[in-house]
Amino acid sequence: AGIAGAGLALAVLAKFSWLVLFGLWPLLWILVI
């Protein structure tokens, strides 16, 4: 989980576009559950 958090931070720090992942990752996790 920590590594995934670091990966998310790097993506967002490259470009604001990947802020969508803050909403998509929890949603995808719920769908997997």
ModelCIF file with pLDDT and N, C-alpha, C, O atoms, coordinates in Angstrom:
data_MODEL
#
_entry.id   MODEL 
#
_entity.id                         1 
_entity.type                       polymer 
_entity.pdbx_number_of_molecules   1 
#
_entity_poly.entity_id                      1 
_entity_poly.type                           'polypeptide(L)' 
_entity_poly.nstd_linkage                   no 
_entity_poly.nstd_monomer                   no 
_entity_poly.pdbx_seq_one_letter_code       AGIAGAGLALAVLAKFSWLVLFGLWPLLWILVI 
_entity_poly.pdbx_seq_one_letter_code_can   AGIAGAGLALAVLAKFSWLVLFGLWPLLWILVI 
_entity_poly.pdbx_strand_id                 A 
#
loop_
_entity_poly_seq.entity_id 
_entity_poly_seq.num 
_entity_poly_seq.mon_id 
_entity_poly_seq.hetero 
1 1  ALA n 
1 2  GLY n 
1 3  ILE n 
1 4  ALA n 
1 5  GLY n 
1 6  ALA n 
1 7  GLY n 
1 8  LEU n 
1 9  ALA n 
1 10 LEU n 
1 11 ALA n 
1 12 VAL n 
1 13 LEU n 
1 14 ALA n 
1 15 LYS n 
1 16 PHE n 
1 17 SER n 
1 18 TRP n 
1 19 LEU n 
1 20 VAL n 
1 21 LEU n 
1 22 PHE n 
1 23 GLY n 
1 24 LEU n 
1 25 TRP n 
1 26 PRO n 
1 27 LEU n 
1 28 LEU n 
1 29 TRP n 
1 30 ILE n 
1 31 LEU n 
1 32 VAL n 
1 33 ILE n 
#
_struct_asym.id          A 
_struct_asym.entity_id   1 
#
loop_
_ma_qa_metric.id 
_ma_qa_metric.mode 
_ma_qa_metric.name 
_ma_qa_metric.software_group_id 
_ma_qa_metric.type 
1 global pLDDT . pLDDT 
2 local  pLDDT . pLDDT 
#
_ma_qa_metric_global.metric_id      1 
_ma_qa_metric_global.metric_value   96.18 
_ma_qa_metric_global.model_id       1 
_ma_qa_metric_global.ordinal_id     1 
#
loop_
_ma_qa_metric_local.label_asym_id 
_ma_qa_metric_local.label_comp_id 
_ma_qa_metric_local.label_seq_id 
_ma_qa_metric_local.metric_id 
_ma_qa_metric_local.metric_value 
_ma_qa_metric_local.model_id 
_ma_qa_metric_local.ordinal_id 
A ALA 1  2 97.00 1 1  
A GLY 2  2 97.00 1 2  
A ILE 3  2 97.00 1 3  
A ALA 4  2 98.00 1 4  
A GLY 5  2 98.00 1 5  
A ALA 6  2 98.00 1 6  
A GLY 7  2 98.00 1 7  
A LEU 8  2 98.00 1 8  
A ALA 9  2 98.00 1 9  
A LEU 10 2 98.00 1 10 
A ALA 11 2 98.00 1 11 
A VAL 12 2 98.00 1 12 
A LEU 13 2 97.00 1 13 
A ALA 14 2 96.00 1 14 
A LYS 15 2 96.00 1 15 
A PHE 16 2 96.00 1 16 
A SER 17 2 95.00 1 17 
A TRP 18 2 97.00 1 18 
A LEU 19 2 97.00 1 19 
A VAL 20 2 96.00 1 20 
A LEU 21 2 97.00 1 21 
A PHE 22 2 97.00 1 22 
A GLY 23 2 96.00 1 23 
A LEU 24 2 97.00 1 24 
A TRP 25 2 96.00 1 25 
A PRO 26 2 96.00 1 26 
A LEU 27 2 96.00 1 27 
A LEU 28 2 95.00 1 28 
A TRP 29 2 95.00 1 29 
A ILE 30 2 93.00 1 30 
A LEU 31 2 92.00 1 31 
A VAL 32 2 91.00 1 32 
A ILE 33 2 90.00 1 33 
#
loop_
_atom_site.group_PDB 
_atom_site.id 
_atom_site.type_symbol 
_atom_site.label_atom_id 
_atom_site.label_alt_id 
_atom_site.label_comp_id 
_atom_site.label_asym_id 
_atom_site.label_entity_id 
_atom_site.label_seq_id 
_atom_site.pdbx_PDB_ins_code 
_atom_site.Cartn_x 
_atom_site.Cartn_y 
_atom_site.Cartn_z 
_atom_site.occupancy 
_atom_site.B_iso_or_equiv 
_atom_site.pdbx_formal_charge 
_atom_site.auth_seq_id 
_atom_site.auth_comp_id 
_atom_site.auth_asym_id 
_atom_site.auth_atom_id 
_atom_site.pdbx_PDB_model_num 
ATOM 1   N N  . ALA A 1 1  ? 0.835   -1.208 0.000   1.00 97.00 ? 1  ALA A N  1 
ATOM 2   C CA . ALA A 1 1  ? 0.000   0.000  0.000   1.00 97.00 ? 1  ALA A CA 1 
ATOM 3   C C  . ALA A 1 1  ? 0.865   1.252  0.000   1.00 97.00 ? 1  ALA A C  1 
ATOM 4   O O  . ALA A 1 1  ? 0.558   2.226  -0.688  1.00 97.00 ? 1  ALA A O  1 
ATOM 5   N N  . GLY A 1 2  ? 1.946   1.224  0.773   1.00 97.00 ? 2  GLY A N  1 
ATOM 6   C CA . GLY A 1 2  ? 2.848   2.371  0.792   1.00 97.00 ? 2  GLY A CA 1 
ATOM 7   C C  . GLY A 1 2  ? 3.499   2.598  -0.562  1.00 97.00 ? 2  GLY A C  1 
ATOM 8   O O  . GLY A 1 2  ? 3.633   3.737  -1.009  1.00 97.00 ? 2  GLY A O  1 
ATOM 9   N N  . ILE A 1 3  ? 3.912   1.495  -1.224  1.00 97.00 ? 3  ILE A N  1 
ATOM 10  C CA . ILE A 1 3  ? 4.515   1.627  -2.558  1.00 97.00 ? 3  ILE A CA 1 
ATOM 11  C C  . ILE A 1 3  ? 3.499   2.181  -3.549  1.00 97.00 ? 3  ILE A C  1 
ATOM 12  O O  . ILE A 1 3  ? 3.836   3.033  -4.372  1.00 97.00 ? 3  ILE A O  1 
ATOM 13  N N  . ALA A 1 4  ? 2.254   1.703  -3.475  1.00 98.00 ? 4  ALA A N  1 
ATOM 14  C CA . ALA A 1 4  ? 1.202   2.216  -4.357  1.00 98.00 ? 4  ALA A CA 1 
ATOM 15  C C  . ALA A 1 4  ? 0.948   3.700  -4.100  1.00 98.00 ? 4  ALA A C  1 
ATOM 16  O O  . ALA A 1 4  ? 0.696   4.462  -5.034  1.00 98.00 ? 4  ALA A O  1 
ATOM 17  N N  . GLY A 1 5  ? 1.016   4.109  -2.825  1.00 98.00 ? 5  GLY A N  1 
ATOM 18  C CA . GLY A 1 5  ? 0.859   5.526  -2.504  1.00 98.00 ? 5  GLY A CA 1 
ATOM 19  C C  . GLY A 1 5  ? 1.980   6.364  -3.095  1.00 98.00 ? 5  GLY A C  1 
ATOM 20  O O  . GLY A 1 5  ? 1.741   7.463  -3.595  1.00 98.00 ? 5  GLY A O  1 
ATOM 21  N N  . ALA A 1 6  ? 3.213   5.845  -3.039  1.00 98.00 ? 6  ALA A N  1 
ATOM 22  C CA . ALA A 1 6  ? 4.339   6.553  -3.635  1.00 98.00 ? 6  ALA A CA 1 
ATOM 23  C C  . ALA A 1 6  ? 4.178   6.642  -5.153  1.00 98.00 ? 6  ALA A C  1 
ATOM 24  O O  . ALA A 1 6  ? 4.480   7.671  -5.758  1.00 98.00 ? 6  ALA A O  1 
ATOM 25  N N  . GLY A 1 7  ? 3.695   5.542  -5.769  1.00 98.00 ? 7  GLY A N  1 
ATOM 26  C CA . GLY A 1 7  ? 3.453   5.569  -7.209  1.00 98.00 ? 7  GLY A CA 1 
ATOM 27  C C  . GLY A 1 7  ? 2.403   6.595  -7.591  1.00 98.00 ? 7  GLY A C  1 
ATOM 28  O O  . GLY A 1 7  ? 2.538   7.275  -8.608  1.00 98.00 ? 7  GLY A O  1 
ATOM 29  N N  . LEU A 1 8  ? 1.359   6.713  -6.786  1.00 98.00 ? 8  LEU A N  1 
ATOM 30  C CA . LEU A 1 8  ? 0.324   7.712  -7.041  1.00 98.00 ? 8  LEU A CA 1 
ATOM 31  C C  . LEU A 1 8  ? 0.880   9.119  -6.900  1.00 98.00 ? 8  LEU A C  1 
ATOM 32  O O  . LEU A 1 8  ? 0.570   9.993  -7.711  1.00 98.00 ? 8  LEU A O  1 
ATOM 33  N N  . ALA A 1 9  ? 1.687   9.344  -5.894  1.00 98.00 ? 9  ALA A N  1 
ATOM 34  C CA . ALA A 1 9  ? 2.297   10.669 -5.705  1.00 98.00 ? 9  ALA A CA 1 
ATOM 35  C C  . ALA A 1 9  ? 3.164   11.042 -6.893  1.00 98.00 ? 9  ALA A C  1 
ATOM 36  O O  . ALA A 1 9  ? 3.107   12.177 -7.365  1.00 98.00 ? 9  ALA A O  1 
ATOM 37  N N  . LEU A 1 10 ? 3.970   10.101 -7.389  1.00 98.00 ? 10 LEU A N  1 
ATOM 38  C CA . LEU A 1 10 ? 4.847   10.386 -8.525  1.00 98.00 ? 10 LEU A CA 1 
ATOM 39  C C  . LEU A 1 10 ? 4.047   10.732 -9.768  1.00 98.00 ? 10 LEU A C  1 
ATOM 40  O O  . LEU A 1 10 ? 4.415   11.641 -10.511 1.00 98.00 ? 10 LEU A O  1 
ATOM 41  N N  . ALA A 1 11 ? 2.957   10.016 -10.000 1.00 98.00 ? 11 ALA A N  1 
ATOM 42  C CA . ALA A 1 11 ? 2.132   10.299 -11.172 1.00 98.00 ? 11 ALA A CA 1 
ATOM 43  C C  . ALA A 1 11 ? 1.542   11.701 -11.097 1.00 98.00 ? 11 ALA A C  1 
ATOM 44  O O  . ALA A 1 11 ? 1.568   12.439 -12.082 1.00 98.00 ? 11 ALA A O  1 
ATOM 45  N N  . VAL A 1 12 ? 1.013   12.071 -9.940  1.00 98.00 ? 12 VAL A N  1 
ATOM 46  C CA . VAL A 1 12 ? 0.402   13.394 -9.775  1.00 98.00 ? 12 VAL A CA 1 
ATOM 47  C C  . VAL A 1 12 ? 1.467   14.481 -9.834  1.00 98.00 ? 12 VAL A C  1 
ATOM 48  O O  . VAL A 1 12 ? 1.218   15.563 -10.365 1.00 98.00 ? 12 VAL A O  1 
ATOM 49  N N  . LEU A 1 13 ? 2.648   14.205 -9.294  1.00 97.00 ? 13 LEU A N  1 
ATOM 50  C CA . LEU A 1 13 ? 3.731   15.190 -9.336  1.00 97.00 ? 13 LEU A CA 1 
ATOM 51  C C  . LEU A 1 13 ? 4.296   15.377 -10.738 1.00 97.00 ? 13 LEU A C  1 
ATOM 52  O O  . LEU A 1 13 ? 4.997   16.355 -10.999 1.00 97.00 ? 13 LEU A O  1 
ATOM 53  N N  . ALA A 1 14 ? 3.997   14.444 -11.646 1.00 96.00 ? 14 ALA A N  1 
ATOM 54  C CA . ALA A 1 14 ? 4.378   14.632 -13.038 1.00 96.00 ? 14 ALA A CA 1 
ATOM 55  C C  . ALA A 1 14 ? 3.378   15.532 -13.744 1.00 96.00 ? 14 ALA A C  1 
ATOM 56  O O  . ALA A 1 14 ? 3.764   16.382 -14.547 1.00 96.00 ? 14 ALA A O  1 
ATOM 57  N N  . LYS A 1 15 ? 2.087   15.349 -13.448 1.00 96.00 ? 15 LYS A N  1 
ATOM 58  C CA . LYS A 1 15 ? 1.062   16.164 -14.107 1.00 96.00 ? 15 LYS A CA 1 
ATOM 59  C C  . LYS A 1 15 ? -0.232  16.082 -13.307 1.00 96.00 ? 15 LYS A C  1 
ATOM 60  O O  . LYS A 1 15 ? -0.607  15.025 -12.800 1.00 96.00 ? 15 LYS A O  1 
ATOM 61  N N  . PHE A 1 16 ? -0.908  17.234 -13.207 1.00 96.00 ? 16 PHE A N  1 
ATOM 62  C CA . PHE A 1 16 ? -2.158  17.288 -12.450 1.00 96.00 ? 16 PHE A CA 1 
ATOM 63  C C  . PHE A 1 16 ? -3.220  16.348 -13.009 1.00 96.00 ? 16 PHE A C  1 
ATOM 64  O O  . PHE A 1 16 ? -4.147  15.973 -12.292 1.00 96.00 ? 16 PHE A O  1 
ATOM 65  N N  . SER A 1 17 ? -3.101  15.966 -14.263 1.00 95.00 ? 17 SER A N  1 
ATOM 66  C CA . SER A 1 17 ? -4.117  15.112 -14.891 1.00 95.00 ? 17 SER A CA 1 
ATOM 67  C C  . SER A 1 17 ? -4.389  13.855 -14.074 1.00 95.00 ? 17 SER A C  1 
ATOM 68  O O  . SER A 1 17 ? -5.523  13.378 -14.022 1.00 95.00 ? 17 SER A O  1 
ATOM 69  N N  . TRP A 1 18 ? -3.349  13.317 -13.434 1.00 97.00 ? 18 TRP A N  1 
ATOM 70  C CA . TRP A 1 18 ? -3.517  12.058 -12.720 1.00 97.00 ? 18 TRP A CA 1 
ATOM 71  C C  . TRP A 1 18 ? -4.159  12.232 -11.347 1.00 97.00 ? 18 TRP A C  1 
ATOM 72  O O  . TRP A 1 18 ? -4.244  11.267 -10.587 1.00 97.00 ? 18 TRP A O  1 
ATOM 73  N N  . LEU A 1 19 ? -4.607  13.426 -11.016 1.00 97.00 ? 19 LEU A N  1 
ATOM 74  C CA . LEU A 1 19 ? -5.417  13.581 -9.800  1.00 97.00 ? 19 LEU A CA 1 
ATOM 75  C C  . LEU A 1 19 ? -6.680  12.732 -9.865  1.00 97.00 ? 19 LEU A C  1 
ATOM 76  O O  . LEU A 1 19 ? -7.261  12.415 -8.827  1.00 97.00 ? 19 LEU A O  1 
ATOM 77  N N  . VAL A 1 20 ? -7.114  12.359 -11.067 1.00 96.00 ? 20 VAL A N  1 
ATOM 78  C CA . VAL A 1 20 ? -8.299  11.504 -11.192 1.00 96.00 ? 20 VAL A CA 1 
ATOM 79  C C  . VAL A 1 20 ? -8.095  10.173 -10.485 1.00 96.00 ? 20 VAL A C  1 
ATOM 80  O O  . VAL A 1 20 ? -9.065  9.520  -10.099 1.00 96.00 ? 20 VAL A O  1 
ATOM 81  N N  . LEU A 1 21 ? -6.835  9.763  -10.310 1.00 97.00 ? 21 LEU A N  1 
ATOM 82  C CA . LEU A 1 21 ? -6.575  8.481  -9.662  1.00 97.00 ? 21 LEU A CA 1 
ATOM 83  C C  . LEU A 1 21 ? -6.965  8.501  -8.187  1.00 97.00 ? 21 LEU A C  1 
ATOM 84  O O  . LEU A 1 21 ? -7.262  7.450  -7.620  1.00 97.00 ? 21 LEU A O  1 
ATOM 85  N N  . PHE A 1 22 ? -6.970  9.674  -7.556  1.00 97.00 ? 22 PHE A N  1 
ATOM 86  C CA . PHE A 1 22 ? -7.411  9.743  -6.162  1.00 97.00 ? 22 PHE A CA 1 
ATOM 87  C C  . PHE A 1 22 ? -8.868  9.318  -6.024  1.00 97.00 ? 22 PHE A C  1 
ATOM 88  O O  . PHE A 1 22 ? -9.275  8.815  -4.977  1.00 97.00 ? 22 PHE A O  1 
ATOM 89  N N  . GLY A 1 23 ? -9.640  9.516  -7.060  1.00 96.00 ? 23 GLY A N  1 
ATOM 90  C CA . GLY A 1 23 ? -11.026 9.053  -7.039  1.00 96.00 ? 23 GLY A CA 1 
ATOM 91  C C  . GLY A 1 23 ? -11.189 7.658  -7.607  1.00 96.00 ? 23 GLY A C  1 
ATOM 92  O O  . GLY A 1 23 ? -12.038 6.893  -7.147  1.00 96.00 ? 23 GLY A O  1 
ATOM 93  N N  . LEU A 1 24 ? -10.375 7.317  -8.612  1.00 97.00 ? 24 LEU A N  1 
ATOM 94  C CA . LEU A 1 24 ? -10.543 6.031  -9.281  1.00 97.00 ? 24 LEU A CA 1 
ATOM 95  C C  . LEU A 1 24 ? -10.010 4.864  -8.457  1.00 97.00 ? 24 LEU A C  1 
ATOM 96  O O  . LEU A 1 24 ? -10.612 3.791  -8.461  1.00 97.00 ? 24 LEU A O  1 
ATOM 97  N N  . TRP A 1 25 ? -8.892  5.050  -7.750  1.00 96.00 ? 25 TRP A N  1 
ATOM 98  C CA . TRP A 1 25 ? -8.337  3.917  -7.005  1.00 96.00 ? 25 TRP A CA 1 
ATOM 99  C C  . TRP A 1 25 ? -9.300  3.418  -5.921  1.00 96.00 ? 25 TRP A C  1 
ATOM 100 O O  . TRP A 1 25 ? -9.546  2.213  -5.868  1.00 96.00 ? 25 TRP A O  1 
ATOM 101 N N  . PRO A 1 26 ? -9.853  4.267  -5.061  1.00 96.00 ? 26 PRO A N  1 
ATOM 102 C CA . PRO A 1 26 ? -10.829 3.748  -4.092  1.00 96.00 ? 26 PRO A CA 1 
ATOM 103 C C  . PRO A 1 26 ? -12.048 3.123  -4.762  1.00 96.00 ? 26 PRO A C  1 
ATOM 104 O O  . PRO A 1 26 ? -12.563 2.110  -4.287  1.00 96.00 ? 26 PRO A O  1 
ATOM 105 N N  . LEU A 1 27 ? -12.516 3.717  -5.863  1.00 96.00 ? 27 LEU A N  1 
ATOM 106 C CA . LEU A 1 27 ? -13.679 3.162  -6.553  1.00 96.00 ? 27 LEU A CA 1 
ATOM 107 C C  . LEU A 1 27 ? -13.374 1.784  -7.120  1.00 96.00 ? 27 LEU A C  1 
ATOM 108 O O  . LEU A 1 27 ? -14.184 0.865  -6.992  1.00 96.00 ? 27 LEU A O  1 
ATOM 109 N N  . LEU A 1 28 ? -12.214 1.635  -7.744  1.00 95.00 ? 28 LEU A N  1 
ATOM 110 C CA . LEU A 1 28 ? -11.848 0.339  -8.294  1.00 95.00 ? 28 LEU A CA 1 
ATOM 111 C C  . LEU A 1 28 ? -11.661 -0.701 -7.191  1.00 95.00 ? 28 LEU A C  1 
ATOM 112 O O  . LEU A 1 28 ? -12.013 -1.868 -7.362  1.00 95.00 ? 28 LEU A O  1 
ATOM 113 N N  . TRP A 1 29 ? -11.112 -0.273 -6.075  1.00 95.00 ? 29 TRP A N  1 
ATOM 114 C CA . TRP A 1 29 ? -10.968 -1.206 -4.945  1.00 95.00 ? 29 TRP A CA 1 
ATOM 115 C C  . TRP A 1 29 ? -12.331 -1.692 -4.482  1.00 95.00 ? 29 TRP A C  1 
ATOM 116 O O  . TRP A 1 29 ? -12.509 -2.884 -4.228  1.00 95.00 ? 29 TRP A O  1 
ATOM 117 N N  . ILE A 1 30 ? -13.289 -0.792 -4.368  1.00 93.00 ? 30 ILE A N  1 
ATOM 118 C CA . ILE A 1 30 ? -14.643 -1.185 -3.953  1.00 93.00 ? 30 ILE A CA 1 
ATOM 119 C C  . ILE A 1 30 ? -15.253 -2.151 -4.957  1.00 93.00 ? 30 ILE A C  1 
ATOM 120 O O  . ILE A 1 30 ? -15.884 -3.130 -4.558  1.00 93.00 ? 30 ILE A O  1 
ATOM 121 N N  . LEU A 1 31 ? -15.079 -1.900 -6.242  1.00 92.00 ? 31 LEU A N  1 
ATOM 122 C CA . LEU A 1 31 ? -15.611 -2.799 -7.259  1.00 92.00 ? 31 LEU A CA 1 
ATOM 123 C C  . LEU A 1 31 ? -14.969 -4.180 -7.160  1.00 92.00 ? 31 LEU A C  1 
ATOM 124 O O  . LEU A 1 31 ? -15.639 -5.196 -7.346  1.00 92.00 ? 31 LEU A O  1 
ATOM 125 N N  . VAL A 1 32 ? -13.673 -4.214 -6.867  1.00 91.00 ? 32 VAL A N  1 
ATOM 126 C CA . VAL A 1 32 ? -13.000 -5.503 -6.695  1.00 91.00 ? 32 VAL A CA 1 
ATOM 127 C C  . VAL A 1 32 ? -13.568 -6.234 -5.481  1.00 91.00 ? 32 VAL A C  1 
ATOM 128 O O  . VAL A 1 32 ? -13.800 -7.442 -5.536  1.00 91.00 ? 32 VAL A O  1 
ATOM 129 N N  . ILE A 1 33 ? -13.790 -5.515 -4.395  1.00 90.00 ? 33 ILE A N  1 
ATOM 130 C CA . ILE A 1 33 ? -14.373 -6.118 -3.197  1.00 90.00 ? 33 ILE A CA 1 
ATOM 131 C C  . ILE A 1 33 ? -15.731 -6.726 -3.522  1.00 90.00 ? 33 ILE A C  1 
ATOM 132 O O  . ILE A 1 33 ? -16.384 -7.284 -2.641  1.00 90.00 ? 33 ILE A O  1 
#
